[in-house]
């Protein structure tokens, strides 16, 4: 079986897989990276949105052979240790997430938007095609505008990590009281939210993959 190597969240990884295996399943099943979610598998819901060489892409419709030698960044690689990306921080401050299932993809799409447009309009934000199952679009818009304002106000406090701007020193952006890393806090909250939904649906006789 072929072996493909690429950079994942700043570290080199090797994957033994058929050339036509989607990057999403390589991430989730072979590398244990579960931030990108499976929702449709046909690039419609965009729950799996991640970054490839700093640009947003959808792993569900990208073959693993197409990322060989390139840089893949998922929600797990967005924070810089205990320092959240401004978009992640805004997501928490604006209480965007409900079930949490689609939030990793939405955050990655928002980061990509702010790389293209420093001061996005409502139309720019509305053009994001990521589906929110809970309909929190108004909070998404507020969070993106909040993150844009913070990034514009403190351009000197950001650096580039895996193609994304990350704050170096931002008041209130770290999580010193919990002892948990920023990635653990954000992905953990997402996992808890998704687990609650799965449990509730299971009680009704149906469930979705986490």
N, C-alpha and C. Protein backbone atom coordinates (compact mmCIF):
# COMPACT_ATOMS: atom_id res chain seq x y z
N UNK A 1 0.84 -1.19 0.00
CA UNK A 1 0.00 0.00 0.00
C UNK A 1 0.89 1.25 0.00
N UNK A 2 0.54 2.26 -0.77
CA UNK A 2 1.36 3.48 -0.82
C UNK A 2 1.43 4.19 0.52
N UNK A 3 2.51 4.94 0.74
CA UNK A 3 2.67 5.75 1.93
C UNK A 3 2.76 7.21 1.52
N UNK A 4 2.00 8.06 2.20
CA UNK A 4 1.99 9.48 1.89
C UNK A 4 2.41 10.27 3.13
N UNK A 5 3.29 11.22 2.91
CA UNK A 5 3.78 12.06 3.99
C UNK A 5 3.33 13.50 3.77
N UNK A 6 2.92 14.16 4.85
CA UNK A 6 2.58 15.57 4.78
C UNK A 6 2.70 16.16 6.18
N UNK A 7 2.66 17.48 6.25
CA UNK A 7 2.74 18.18 7.53
C UNK A 7 1.32 18.34 8.07
N UNK A 8 1.10 17.90 9.28
CA UNK A 8 -0.21 18.03 9.91
C UNK A 8 -0.05 18.83 11.20
N UNK A 9 -0.62 20.00 11.22
CA UNK A 9 -0.55 20.87 12.39
C UNK A 9 0.89 21.06 12.87
N UNK A 10 1.79 21.23 11.89
CA UNK A 10 3.19 21.52 12.19
C UNK A 10 4.08 20.31 12.39
N UNK A 11 3.54 19.11 12.28
CA UNK A 11 4.35 17.91 12.46
C UNK A 11 4.22 16.99 11.24
N UNK A 12 5.31 16.36 10.86
CA UNK A 12 5.27 15.46 9.73
C UNK A 12 4.58 14.15 10.12
N UNK A 13 3.67 13.71 9.27
CA UNK A 13 2.97 12.45 9.50
C UNK A 13 3.08 11.58 8.25
N UNK A 14 2.99 10.28 8.44
CA UNK A 14 3.00 9.32 7.34
C UNK A 14 1.72 8.50 7.40
N UNK A 15 1.11 8.29 6.25
CA UNK A 15 -0.14 7.54 6.19
C UNK A 15 -0.04 6.45 5.14
N UNK A 16 -0.27 5.22 5.54
CA UNK A 16 -0.38 4.11 4.59
C UNK A 16 -1.83 4.02 4.17
N UNK A 17 -2.11 4.30 2.90
CA UNK A 17 -3.50 4.36 2.47
C UNK A 17 -3.59 4.28 0.95
N UNK A 18 -4.73 3.84 0.44
CA UNK A 18 -4.96 3.90 -1.01
C UNK A 18 -4.91 5.36 -1.46
N UNK A 19 -4.49 5.59 -2.68
CA UNK A 19 -4.33 6.96 -3.16
C UNK A 19 -5.64 7.73 -3.17
N UNK A 20 -6.77 7.01 -3.31
CA UNK A 20 -8.05 7.69 -3.40
C UNK A 20 -8.78 7.77 -2.07
N UNK A 21 -8.11 7.44 -0.96
CA UNK A 21 -8.73 7.62 0.35
C UNK A 21 -8.85 9.11 0.61
N UNK A 22 -10.01 9.55 1.08
CA UNK A 22 -10.17 10.98 1.34
C UNK A 22 -9.32 11.39 2.53
N UNK A 23 -8.87 12.64 2.48
CA UNK A 23 -8.07 13.17 3.58
C UNK A 23 -8.85 13.12 4.89
N UNK A 24 -10.16 13.30 4.82
CA UNK A 24 -10.98 13.28 6.04
C UNK A 24 -10.85 11.96 6.77
N UNK A 25 -10.93 10.86 6.02
CA UNK A 25 -10.84 9.55 6.68
C UNK A 25 -9.41 9.22 7.06
N UNK A 26 -8.44 9.77 6.33
CA UNK A 26 -7.04 9.60 6.75
C UNK A 26 -6.82 10.30 8.08
N UNK A 27 -7.39 11.50 8.22
CA UNK A 27 -7.26 12.24 9.47
C UNK A 27 -7.96 11.54 10.62
N UNK A 28 -9.21 11.19 10.41
CA UNK A 28 -10.03 10.65 11.50
C UNK A 28 -9.68 9.20 11.84
N UNK A 29 -9.59 8.35 10.82
CA UNK A 29 -9.43 6.92 11.08
C UNK A 29 -7.98 6.48 11.26
N UNK A 30 -7.08 7.14 10.57
CA UNK A 30 -5.68 6.69 10.62
C UNK A 30 -4.81 7.54 11.54
N UNK A 31 -5.15 8.80 11.70
CA UNK A 31 -4.32 9.70 12.49
C UNK A 31 -4.99 10.15 13.79
N UNK A 32 -6.24 9.81 13.96
CA UNK A 32 -6.94 10.15 15.20
C UNK A 32 -7.25 11.62 15.38
N UNK A 33 -7.30 12.37 14.30
CA UNK A 33 -7.60 13.80 14.35
C UNK A 33 -9.08 13.96 14.02
N UNK A 34 -9.89 14.23 15.03
CA UNK A 34 -11.35 14.19 14.86
C UNK A 34 -12.02 15.56 14.85
N UNK A 35 -11.23 16.64 14.86
CA UNK A 35 -11.83 17.96 14.77
C UNK A 35 -12.65 18.15 13.50
N UNK A 36 -12.10 17.83 12.33
CA UNK A 36 -12.89 17.90 11.09
C UNK A 36 -14.00 16.84 11.13
N UNK A 37 -15.24 17.25 10.96
CA UNK A 37 -16.37 16.34 11.09
C UNK A 37 -16.85 15.80 9.74
N UNK A 38 -17.41 14.60 9.76
CA UNK A 38 -18.07 14.05 8.58
C UNK A 38 -19.54 14.44 8.64
N UNK A 39 -19.98 15.16 7.62
CA UNK A 39 -21.38 15.53 7.58
C UNK A 39 -22.08 15.04 6.34
N UNK A 40 -21.43 15.23 5.17
CA UNK A 40 -22.10 14.86 3.92
C UNK A 40 -21.20 14.04 3.01
N UNK A 41 -19.91 14.31 3.03
CA UNK A 41 -18.97 13.58 2.18
C UNK A 41 -18.94 14.07 0.74
N UNK A 42 -19.69 15.12 0.43
CA UNK A 42 -19.74 15.62 -0.95
C UNK A 42 -19.52 17.13 -1.04
N UNK A 43 -18.85 17.71 -0.03
CA UNK A 43 -18.51 19.12 -0.05
C UNK A 43 -19.73 20.04 -0.09
N UNK A 44 -20.75 19.69 0.67
CA UNK A 44 -21.94 20.52 0.75
C UNK A 44 -22.06 21.17 2.13
N UNK A 45 -22.02 20.38 3.19
CA UNK A 45 -22.20 20.95 4.53
C UNK A 45 -20.95 21.65 5.04
N UNK A 46 -19.78 21.18 4.58
CA UNK A 46 -18.47 21.77 4.91
C UNK A 46 -18.11 21.68 6.40
N UNK A 47 -18.65 20.68 7.09
CA UNK A 47 -18.30 20.48 8.50
C UNK A 47 -16.84 20.08 8.67
N UNK A 48 -16.21 19.62 7.60
CA UNK A 48 -14.82 19.16 7.68
C UNK A 48 -13.80 20.25 7.33
N UNK A 49 -14.24 21.46 7.05
CA UNK A 49 -13.34 22.52 6.57
C UNK A 49 -12.06 22.61 7.38
N UNK A 50 -10.95 22.57 6.68
CA UNK A 50 -9.62 22.71 7.28
C UNK A 50 -8.81 23.60 6.34
N UNK A 51 -7.50 23.67 6.55
CA UNK A 51 -6.65 24.49 5.68
C UNK A 51 -5.58 23.63 5.01
N UNK A 52 -5.32 23.90 3.77
CA UNK A 52 -4.25 23.25 3.00
C UNK A 52 -3.32 24.34 2.49
N UNK A 53 -2.09 24.32 2.98
CA UNK A 53 -1.13 25.38 2.65
C UNK A 53 -1.70 26.76 2.94
N UNK A 54 -2.46 26.86 4.04
CA UNK A 54 -2.99 28.14 4.47
C UNK A 54 -4.31 28.54 3.84
N UNK A 55 -4.83 27.74 2.91
CA UNK A 55 -6.10 28.05 2.26
C UNK A 55 -7.14 27.01 2.68
N UNK A 56 -8.39 27.46 2.81
CA UNK A 56 -9.42 26.51 3.23
C UNK A 56 -9.66 25.44 2.16
N UNK A 57 -9.92 24.24 2.61
CA UNK A 57 -10.27 23.14 1.71
C UNK A 57 -11.13 22.17 2.47
N UNK A 58 -11.76 21.26 1.73
CA UNK A 58 -12.63 20.28 2.36
C UNK A 58 -12.05 18.88 2.21
N UNK A 59 -11.56 18.31 3.30
CA UNK A 59 -10.91 17.00 3.27
C UNK A 59 -11.80 15.87 2.77
N UNK A 60 -13.12 16.03 2.86
CA UNK A 60 -14.00 14.92 2.48
C UNK A 60 -13.96 14.65 0.98
N UNK A 61 -13.56 15.65 0.17
CA UNK A 61 -13.52 15.46 -1.28
C UNK A 61 -12.11 15.64 -1.83
N UNK A 62 -11.11 15.53 -0.96
CA UNK A 62 -9.72 15.64 -1.37
C UNK A 62 -9.01 14.33 -1.08
N UNK A 63 -8.35 13.75 -2.07
CA UNK A 63 -7.66 12.48 -1.87
C UNK A 63 -6.34 12.69 -1.14
N UNK A 64 -5.95 11.69 -0.36
CA UNK A 64 -4.74 11.81 0.43
C UNK A 64 -3.50 12.02 -0.44
N UNK A 65 -3.50 11.47 -1.65
CA UNK A 65 -2.35 11.66 -2.53
C UNK A 65 -2.17 13.13 -2.93
N UNK A 66 -3.26 13.91 -2.86
CA UNK A 66 -3.20 15.30 -3.27
C UNK A 66 -2.63 16.23 -2.20
N UNK A 67 -2.41 15.71 -0.99
CA UNK A 67 -1.83 16.56 0.06
C UNK A 67 -0.40 16.13 0.39
N UNK A 68 0.13 15.16 -0.33
CA UNK A 68 1.50 14.69 -0.08
C UNK A 68 2.48 15.85 -0.20
N UNK A 69 3.33 16.01 0.81
CA UNK A 69 4.33 17.05 0.80
C UNK A 69 3.80 18.44 1.10
N UNK A 70 2.55 18.55 1.50
CA UNK A 70 1.94 19.86 1.74
C UNK A 70 1.61 20.04 3.22
N UNK A 71 1.02 21.18 3.57
CA UNK A 71 0.72 21.50 4.96
C UNK A 71 -0.78 21.50 5.20
N UNK A 72 -1.22 20.62 6.09
CA UNK A 72 -2.63 20.53 6.46
C UNK A 72 -2.78 21.06 7.89
N UNK A 73 -3.73 21.96 8.07
CA UNK A 73 -4.02 22.48 9.41
C UNK A 73 -5.50 22.24 9.72
N UNK A 74 -5.75 21.61 10.86
CA UNK A 74 -7.12 21.39 11.32
C UNK A 74 -7.36 22.26 12.54
N UNK A 75 -8.56 22.21 13.10
CA UNK A 75 -8.88 23.02 14.27
C UNK A 75 -7.91 22.73 15.41
N UNK A 76 -7.38 21.51 15.47
CA UNK A 76 -6.45 21.16 16.54
C UNK A 76 -5.14 21.93 16.46
N UNK A 77 -4.80 22.42 15.27
CA UNK A 77 -3.54 23.12 15.09
C UNK A 77 -3.67 24.63 15.02
N UNK A 78 -4.85 25.15 15.32
CA UNK A 78 -5.09 26.58 15.15
C UNK A 78 -4.52 27.42 16.30
N UNK A 79 -4.67 26.93 17.51
CA UNK A 79 -4.15 27.67 18.67
C UNK A 79 -2.63 27.50 18.75
N UNK A 80 -1.99 28.40 19.48
CA UNK A 80 -0.55 28.33 19.71
C UNK A 80 -0.35 27.98 21.18
N UNK A 81 -0.33 26.68 21.48
CA UNK A 81 -0.24 26.25 22.87
C UNK A 81 -1.49 26.67 23.63
N UNK A 82 -1.30 27.48 24.69
CA UNK A 82 -2.43 27.97 25.47
C UNK A 82 -3.03 29.25 24.93
N UNK A 83 -2.51 29.74 23.82
CA UNK A 83 -3.00 31.00 23.25
C UNK A 83 -3.96 30.73 22.11
N UNK A 84 -5.20 31.13 22.29
CA UNK A 84 -6.21 30.91 21.27
C UNK A 84 -6.03 31.84 20.08
N UNK A 85 -6.45 31.36 18.92
CA UNK A 85 -6.56 32.23 17.76
C UNK A 85 -7.69 33.23 18.07
N UNK A 86 -7.61 34.47 17.58
CA UNK A 86 -8.67 35.46 17.85
C UNK A 86 -10.06 34.97 17.49
N UNK A 87 -10.18 34.17 16.45
CA UNK A 87 -11.49 33.65 16.07
C UNK A 87 -12.00 32.66 17.11
N UNK A 88 -11.13 31.80 17.60
CA UNK A 88 -11.53 30.88 18.66
C UNK A 88 -11.98 31.64 19.90
N UNK A 89 -11.21 32.67 20.25
CA UNK A 89 -11.55 33.47 21.42
C UNK A 89 -12.90 34.14 21.23
N UNK A 90 -13.13 34.67 20.04
CA UNK A 90 -14.41 35.33 19.76
C UNK A 90 -15.56 34.34 19.82
N UNK A 91 -15.32 33.12 19.37
CA UNK A 91 -16.36 32.08 19.40
C UNK A 91 -16.80 31.82 20.85
N UNK A 92 -15.83 31.81 21.77
CA UNK A 92 -16.15 31.60 23.18
C UNK A 92 -16.85 32.81 23.77
N UNK A 93 -16.34 33.99 23.47
CA UNK A 93 -16.90 35.22 24.03
C UNK A 93 -18.33 35.45 23.56
N UNK A 94 -18.63 35.09 22.32
CA UNK A 94 -19.97 35.30 21.76
C UNK A 94 -20.87 34.07 21.95
N UNK A 95 -20.34 33.05 22.62
CA UNK A 95 -21.14 31.84 22.93
C UNK A 95 -21.79 31.28 21.66
N UNK A 96 -20.98 31.12 20.62
CA UNK A 96 -21.51 30.70 19.33
C UNK A 96 -22.02 29.26 19.33
N UNK A 97 -21.23 28.36 19.88
CA UNK A 97 -21.54 26.93 19.75
C UNK A 97 -22.78 26.53 20.53
N UNK A 98 -23.58 25.65 19.93
CA UNK A 98 -24.66 24.99 20.64
C UNK A 98 -24.35 23.49 20.68
N UNK A 99 -24.71 22.74 19.64
CA UNK A 99 -24.35 21.32 19.65
C UNK A 99 -22.85 21.16 19.44
N UNK A 100 -22.23 22.09 18.71
CA UNK A 100 -20.79 22.06 18.51
C UNK A 100 -20.32 21.25 17.33
N UNK A 101 -21.19 20.49 16.68
CA UNK A 101 -20.77 19.58 15.62
C UNK A 101 -20.08 20.31 14.47
N UNK A 102 -20.64 21.41 14.03
CA UNK A 102 -20.13 22.09 12.84
C UNK A 102 -19.13 23.18 13.16
N UNK A 103 -18.92 23.47 14.44
CA UNK A 103 -18.12 24.63 14.81
C UNK A 103 -16.65 24.57 14.38
N UNK A 104 -15.96 23.43 14.45
CA UNK A 104 -14.57 23.42 13.96
C UNK A 104 -14.45 23.88 12.51
N UNK A 105 -15.34 23.38 11.66
CA UNK A 105 -15.31 23.77 10.26
C UNK A 105 -15.65 25.23 10.07
N UNK A 106 -16.62 25.74 10.85
CA UNK A 106 -16.99 27.14 10.73
C UNK A 106 -15.85 28.06 11.17
N UNK A 107 -15.18 27.67 12.24
CA UNK A 107 -14.06 28.48 12.72
C UNK A 107 -12.95 28.52 11.67
N UNK A 108 -12.64 27.37 11.06
CA UNK A 108 -11.59 27.34 10.05
C UNK A 108 -11.99 28.17 8.83
N UNK A 109 -13.26 28.15 8.47
CA UNK A 109 -13.74 28.96 7.35
C UNK A 109 -13.64 30.45 7.70
N UNK A 110 -13.95 30.79 8.95
CA UNK A 110 -13.88 32.19 9.38
C UNK A 110 -12.44 32.70 9.37
N UNK A 111 -11.51 31.85 9.81
CA UNK A 111 -10.09 32.24 9.80
C UNK A 111 -9.63 32.49 8.37
N UNK A 112 -10.05 31.63 7.45
CA UNK A 112 -9.68 31.80 6.05
C UNK A 112 -10.26 33.10 5.49
N UNK A 113 -11.50 33.41 5.87
CA UNK A 113 -12.13 34.65 5.42
C UNK A 113 -11.34 35.86 5.89
N UNK A 114 -10.92 35.85 7.16
CA UNK A 114 -10.20 37.00 7.71
C UNK A 114 -8.79 37.12 7.15
N UNK A 115 -8.26 36.07 6.60
CA UNK A 115 -6.98 36.16 5.90
C UNK A 115 -7.17 36.87 4.56
N UNK A 116 -8.34 36.66 3.94
CA UNK A 116 -8.62 37.28 2.64
C UNK A 116 -9.14 38.70 2.80
N UNK A 117 -9.93 38.93 3.85
CA UNK A 117 -10.61 40.20 4.03
C UNK A 117 -10.50 40.63 5.49
N UNK A 118 -9.75 41.67 5.77
CA UNK A 118 -9.53 42.09 7.15
C UNK A 118 -10.77 42.71 7.78
N UNK A 119 -11.62 43.29 6.97
CA UNK A 119 -12.84 43.92 7.50
C UNK A 119 -14.04 43.42 6.71
N UNK A 120 -14.47 42.18 6.97
CA UNK A 120 -15.54 41.58 6.16
C UNK A 120 -16.89 42.25 6.36
N UNK A 121 -17.63 42.34 5.28
CA UNK A 121 -18.99 42.87 5.34
C UNK A 121 -19.95 41.73 5.67
N UNK A 122 -21.21 42.08 5.91
CA UNK A 122 -22.22 41.04 6.14
C UNK A 122 -22.29 40.11 4.93
N UNK A 123 -22.17 40.69 3.74
CA UNK A 123 -22.23 39.87 2.53
C UNK A 123 -21.05 38.90 2.46
N UNK A 124 -19.87 39.35 2.87
CA UNK A 124 -18.70 38.47 2.90
C UNK A 124 -18.93 37.30 3.84
N UNK A 125 -19.47 37.59 5.00
CA UNK A 125 -19.71 36.55 6.00
C UNK A 125 -20.82 35.61 5.54
N UNK A 126 -21.87 36.18 4.96
CA UNK A 126 -22.99 35.36 4.48
C UNK A 126 -22.56 34.43 3.36
N UNK A 127 -21.46 34.77 2.69
CA UNK A 127 -20.98 33.92 1.59
C UNK A 127 -20.33 32.63 2.09
N UNK A 128 -20.01 32.57 3.38
CA UNK A 128 -19.49 31.32 3.95
C UNK A 128 -20.57 30.26 3.83
N UNK A 129 -20.25 29.12 3.26
CA UNK A 129 -21.25 28.10 2.96
C UNK A 129 -21.36 27.01 4.02
N UNK A 130 -20.62 27.13 5.10
CA UNK A 130 -20.69 26.11 6.15
C UNK A 130 -22.08 26.09 6.79
N UNK A 131 -22.66 24.91 6.85
CA UNK A 131 -24.00 24.76 7.40
C UNK A 131 -23.92 24.65 8.93
N UNK A 132 -24.77 25.40 9.61
CA UNK A 132 -24.89 25.30 11.06
C UNK A 132 -26.20 24.60 11.39
N UNK A 133 -26.12 23.44 11.99
CA UNK A 133 -27.31 22.65 12.29
C UNK A 133 -28.22 23.34 13.30
N UNK A 134 -27.64 24.19 14.14
CA UNK A 134 -28.42 24.86 15.18
C UNK A 134 -28.85 26.27 14.78
N UNK A 135 -28.41 26.72 13.62
CA UNK A 135 -28.83 28.02 13.12
C UNK A 135 -28.25 29.21 13.87
N UNK A 136 -26.99 29.10 14.30
CA UNK A 136 -26.39 30.19 15.06
C UNK A 136 -25.68 31.21 14.16
N UNK A 137 -26.20 31.40 12.99
CA UNK A 137 -25.54 32.27 12.01
C UNK A 137 -25.36 33.70 12.51
N UNK A 138 -26.32 34.22 13.27
CA UNK A 138 -26.19 35.61 13.75
C UNK A 138 -25.04 35.71 14.74
N UNK A 139 -24.81 34.67 15.54
CA UNK A 139 -23.68 34.69 16.47
C UNK A 139 -22.35 34.50 15.72
N UNK A 140 -22.39 33.70 14.69
CA UNK A 140 -21.19 33.53 13.85
C UNK A 140 -20.78 34.87 13.28
N UNK A 141 -21.74 35.63 12.77
CA UNK A 141 -21.45 36.94 12.19
C UNK A 141 -20.85 37.88 13.24
N UNK A 142 -21.44 37.89 14.42
CA UNK A 142 -20.94 38.75 15.49
C UNK A 142 -19.53 38.36 15.90
N UNK A 143 -19.27 37.05 15.99
CA UNK A 143 -17.95 36.57 16.41
C UNK A 143 -16.88 36.92 15.37
N UNK A 144 -17.21 36.78 14.10
CA UNK A 144 -16.24 37.10 13.05
C UNK A 144 -15.91 38.58 13.07
N UNK A 145 -16.92 39.43 13.24
CA UNK A 145 -16.66 40.86 13.28
C UNK A 145 -15.85 41.24 14.52
N UNK A 146 -16.12 40.58 15.63
CA UNK A 146 -15.37 40.82 16.86
C UNK A 146 -13.91 40.43 16.68
N UNK A 147 -13.68 39.26 16.08
CA UNK A 147 -12.30 38.80 15.83
C UNK A 147 -11.58 39.74 14.88
N UNK A 148 -12.28 40.20 13.85
CA UNK A 148 -11.67 41.13 12.88
C UNK A 148 -11.24 42.41 13.57
N UNK A 149 -12.08 42.93 14.47
CA UNK A 149 -11.76 44.17 15.16
C UNK A 149 -10.53 44.00 16.05
N UNK A 150 -10.46 42.86 16.75
CA UNK A 150 -9.31 42.61 17.63
C UNK A 150 -8.03 42.45 16.83
N UNK A 151 -8.11 41.76 15.71
CA UNK A 151 -6.93 41.55 14.88
C UNK A 151 -6.46 42.87 14.27
N UNK A 152 -7.40 43.74 13.92
CA UNK A 152 -7.04 45.03 13.35
C UNK A 152 -6.42 45.94 14.40
N UNK A 153 -6.90 45.80 15.65
CA UNK A 153 -6.41 46.65 16.72
C UNK A 153 -5.04 46.24 17.22
N UNK A 154 -4.70 44.97 17.06
CA UNK A 154 -3.42 44.47 17.58
C UNK A 154 -2.65 43.68 16.53
N UNK A 155 -2.36 44.28 15.37
CA UNK A 155 -1.67 43.55 14.30
C UNK A 155 -0.27 43.10 14.69
N UNK A 156 0.37 43.83 15.62
CA UNK A 156 1.75 43.50 16.00
C UNK A 156 1.81 42.32 16.94
N UNK A 157 0.65 41.88 17.45
CA UNK A 157 0.66 40.78 18.42
C UNK A 157 0.32 39.45 17.78
N UNK A 158 0.41 39.38 16.45
CA UNK A 158 0.12 38.12 15.79
C UNK A 158 1.34 37.59 15.08
N UNK A 159 1.39 36.29 14.92
CA UNK A 159 2.43 35.66 14.13
C UNK A 159 1.79 34.58 13.29
N UNK A 160 2.51 34.04 12.33
CA UNK A 160 1.94 33.04 11.46
C UNK A 160 2.34 31.65 11.92
N UNK A 161 1.34 30.81 12.14
CA UNK A 161 1.57 29.42 12.52
C UNK A 161 0.78 28.55 11.54
N UNK A 162 1.49 27.75 10.76
CA UNK A 162 0.86 26.88 9.78
C UNK A 162 -0.07 27.66 8.86
N UNK A 163 0.35 28.87 8.50
CA UNK A 163 -0.43 29.64 7.54
C UNK A 163 -1.55 30.45 8.15
N UNK A 164 -1.69 30.47 9.50
CA UNK A 164 -2.75 31.21 10.14
C UNK A 164 -2.19 32.22 11.12
N UNK A 165 -2.84 33.38 11.21
CA UNK A 165 -2.41 34.39 12.18
C UNK A 165 -2.82 33.96 13.57
N UNK A 166 -1.88 33.99 14.51
CA UNK A 166 -2.13 33.58 15.88
C UNK A 166 -1.65 34.66 16.82
N UNK A 167 -2.44 35.05 17.85
CA UNK A 167 -2.00 36.08 18.76
C UNK A 167 -0.85 35.60 19.62
N UNK A 168 0.15 36.45 19.83
CA UNK A 168 1.28 36.09 20.69
C UNK A 168 0.97 36.45 22.13
N UNK A 169 0.51 37.68 22.36
CA UNK A 169 0.12 38.09 23.70
C UNK A 169 -1.18 38.85 23.61
N UNK A 170 -2.26 38.25 24.03
CA UNK A 170 -3.56 38.88 23.99
C UNK A 170 -4.21 38.70 25.35
N UNK A 171 -4.56 39.77 26.00
CA UNK A 171 -5.15 39.66 27.33
C UNK A 171 -6.38 38.80 27.32
N UNK A 172 -6.43 37.85 28.24
CA UNK A 172 -7.60 36.99 28.37
C UNK A 172 -7.65 35.87 27.37
N UNK A 173 -6.64 35.72 26.52
CA UNK A 173 -6.71 34.71 25.48
C UNK A 173 -6.20 33.36 25.94
N UNK A 174 -5.42 33.33 27.02
CA UNK A 174 -4.91 32.05 27.51
C UNK A 174 -5.83 31.49 28.57
N UNK A 175 -5.58 30.25 28.97
CA UNK A 175 -6.43 29.58 29.93
C UNK A 175 -5.62 29.10 31.13
N UNK A 176 -5.00 30.02 31.89
CA UNK A 176 -4.10 29.60 32.95
C UNK A 176 -4.80 28.94 34.12
N UNK A 177 -6.08 29.23 34.36
CA UNK A 177 -6.74 28.71 35.54
C UNK A 177 -7.15 27.25 35.40
N UNK A 178 -7.26 26.75 34.19
CA UNK A 178 -7.73 25.39 34.00
C UNK A 178 -6.60 24.38 33.92
N UNK A 179 -5.42 24.83 33.49
CA UNK A 179 -4.32 23.90 33.31
C UNK A 179 -4.44 23.13 32.01
N UNK A 180 -5.50 23.39 31.22
CA UNK A 180 -5.70 22.69 29.96
C UNK A 180 -5.17 23.55 28.83
N UNK A 181 -4.74 22.91 27.75
CA UNK A 181 -4.30 23.67 26.59
C UNK A 181 -5.51 24.26 25.91
N UNK A 182 -5.28 25.30 25.11
CA UNK A 182 -6.39 25.93 24.40
C UNK A 182 -7.05 24.95 23.47
N UNK A 183 -6.25 24.14 22.78
CA UNK A 183 -6.81 23.15 21.86
C UNK A 183 -7.70 22.17 22.60
N UNK A 184 -7.22 21.71 23.76
CA UNK A 184 -8.01 20.76 24.54
C UNK A 184 -9.32 21.38 24.99
N UNK A 185 -9.26 22.66 25.38
CA UNK A 185 -10.46 23.32 25.86
C UNK A 185 -11.49 23.47 24.76
N UNK A 186 -11.03 23.93 23.59
CA UNK A 186 -11.96 24.17 22.49
C UNK A 186 -12.51 22.87 21.93
N UNK A 187 -11.61 21.91 21.62
CA UNK A 187 -12.08 20.66 21.05
C UNK A 187 -12.84 19.84 22.07
N UNK A 188 -12.48 20.01 23.35
CA UNK A 188 -13.20 19.30 24.41
C UNK A 188 -14.62 19.80 24.51
N UNK A 189 -14.79 21.14 24.45
CA UNK A 189 -16.13 21.71 24.51
C UNK A 189 -16.97 21.24 23.33
N UNK A 190 -16.33 21.19 22.17
CA UNK A 190 -17.03 20.70 20.98
C UNK A 190 -17.46 19.26 21.16
N UNK A 191 -16.54 18.44 21.69
CA UNK A 191 -16.84 17.02 21.88
C UNK A 191 -17.98 16.83 22.87
N UNK A 192 -17.97 17.61 23.96
CA UNK A 192 -19.03 17.48 24.96
C UNK A 192 -20.38 17.88 24.39
N UNK A 193 -20.36 18.95 23.60
CA UNK A 193 -21.61 19.38 22.99
C UNK A 193 -22.15 18.34 22.03
N UNK A 194 -21.26 17.79 21.20
CA UNK A 194 -21.68 16.77 20.24
C UNK A 194 -22.15 15.51 20.95
N UNK A 195 -21.47 15.15 22.06
CA UNK A 195 -21.84 13.95 22.80
C UNK A 195 -23.24 14.10 23.39
N UNK A 196 -23.56 15.32 23.86
CA UNK A 196 -24.87 15.55 24.44
C UNK A 196 -25.97 15.36 23.39
N UNK A 197 -25.69 15.86 22.17
CA UNK A 197 -26.66 15.71 21.10
C UNK A 197 -26.85 14.25 20.72
N UNK A 198 -25.72 13.52 20.61
CA UNK A 198 -25.78 12.11 20.25
C UNK A 198 -26.57 11.33 21.29
N UNK A 199 -26.32 11.65 22.57
CA UNK A 199 -27.04 10.96 23.64
C UNK A 199 -28.53 11.21 23.54
N UNK A 200 -28.88 12.49 23.33
CA UNK A 200 -30.29 12.84 23.24
C UNK A 200 -30.96 12.15 22.06
N UNK A 201 -30.26 12.10 20.94
CA UNK A 201 -30.83 11.45 19.76
C UNK A 201 -30.90 9.95 19.95
N UNK A 202 -29.93 9.41 20.68
CA UNK A 202 -29.95 7.97 20.95
C UNK A 202 -31.14 7.56 21.75
N UNK A 203 -31.55 8.44 22.66
CA UNK A 203 -32.73 8.16 23.48
C UNK A 203 -33.98 8.14 22.63
N UNK A 204 -33.90 8.78 21.47
CA UNK A 204 -35.04 8.79 20.57
C UNK A 204 -34.93 7.71 19.50
N UNK A 205 -33.87 6.89 19.61
CA UNK A 205 -33.73 5.77 18.69
C UNK A 205 -32.86 6.04 17.49
N UNK A 206 -32.15 7.21 17.47
CA UNK A 206 -31.26 7.50 16.36
C UNK A 206 -30.09 8.27 16.89
N UNK A 207 -28.98 8.24 16.12
CA UNK A 207 -27.78 8.98 16.52
C UNK A 207 -26.95 9.31 15.31
N UNK A 208 -26.10 10.37 15.42
CA UNK A 208 -25.19 10.77 14.35
C UNK A 208 -23.78 10.53 14.78
N UNK A 209 -22.84 10.33 13.82
CA UNK A 209 -21.43 10.17 14.20
C UNK A 209 -20.87 11.43 14.82
N UNK A 210 -20.00 11.29 15.83
CA UNK A 210 -19.46 12.46 16.53
C UNK A 210 -18.40 13.15 15.72
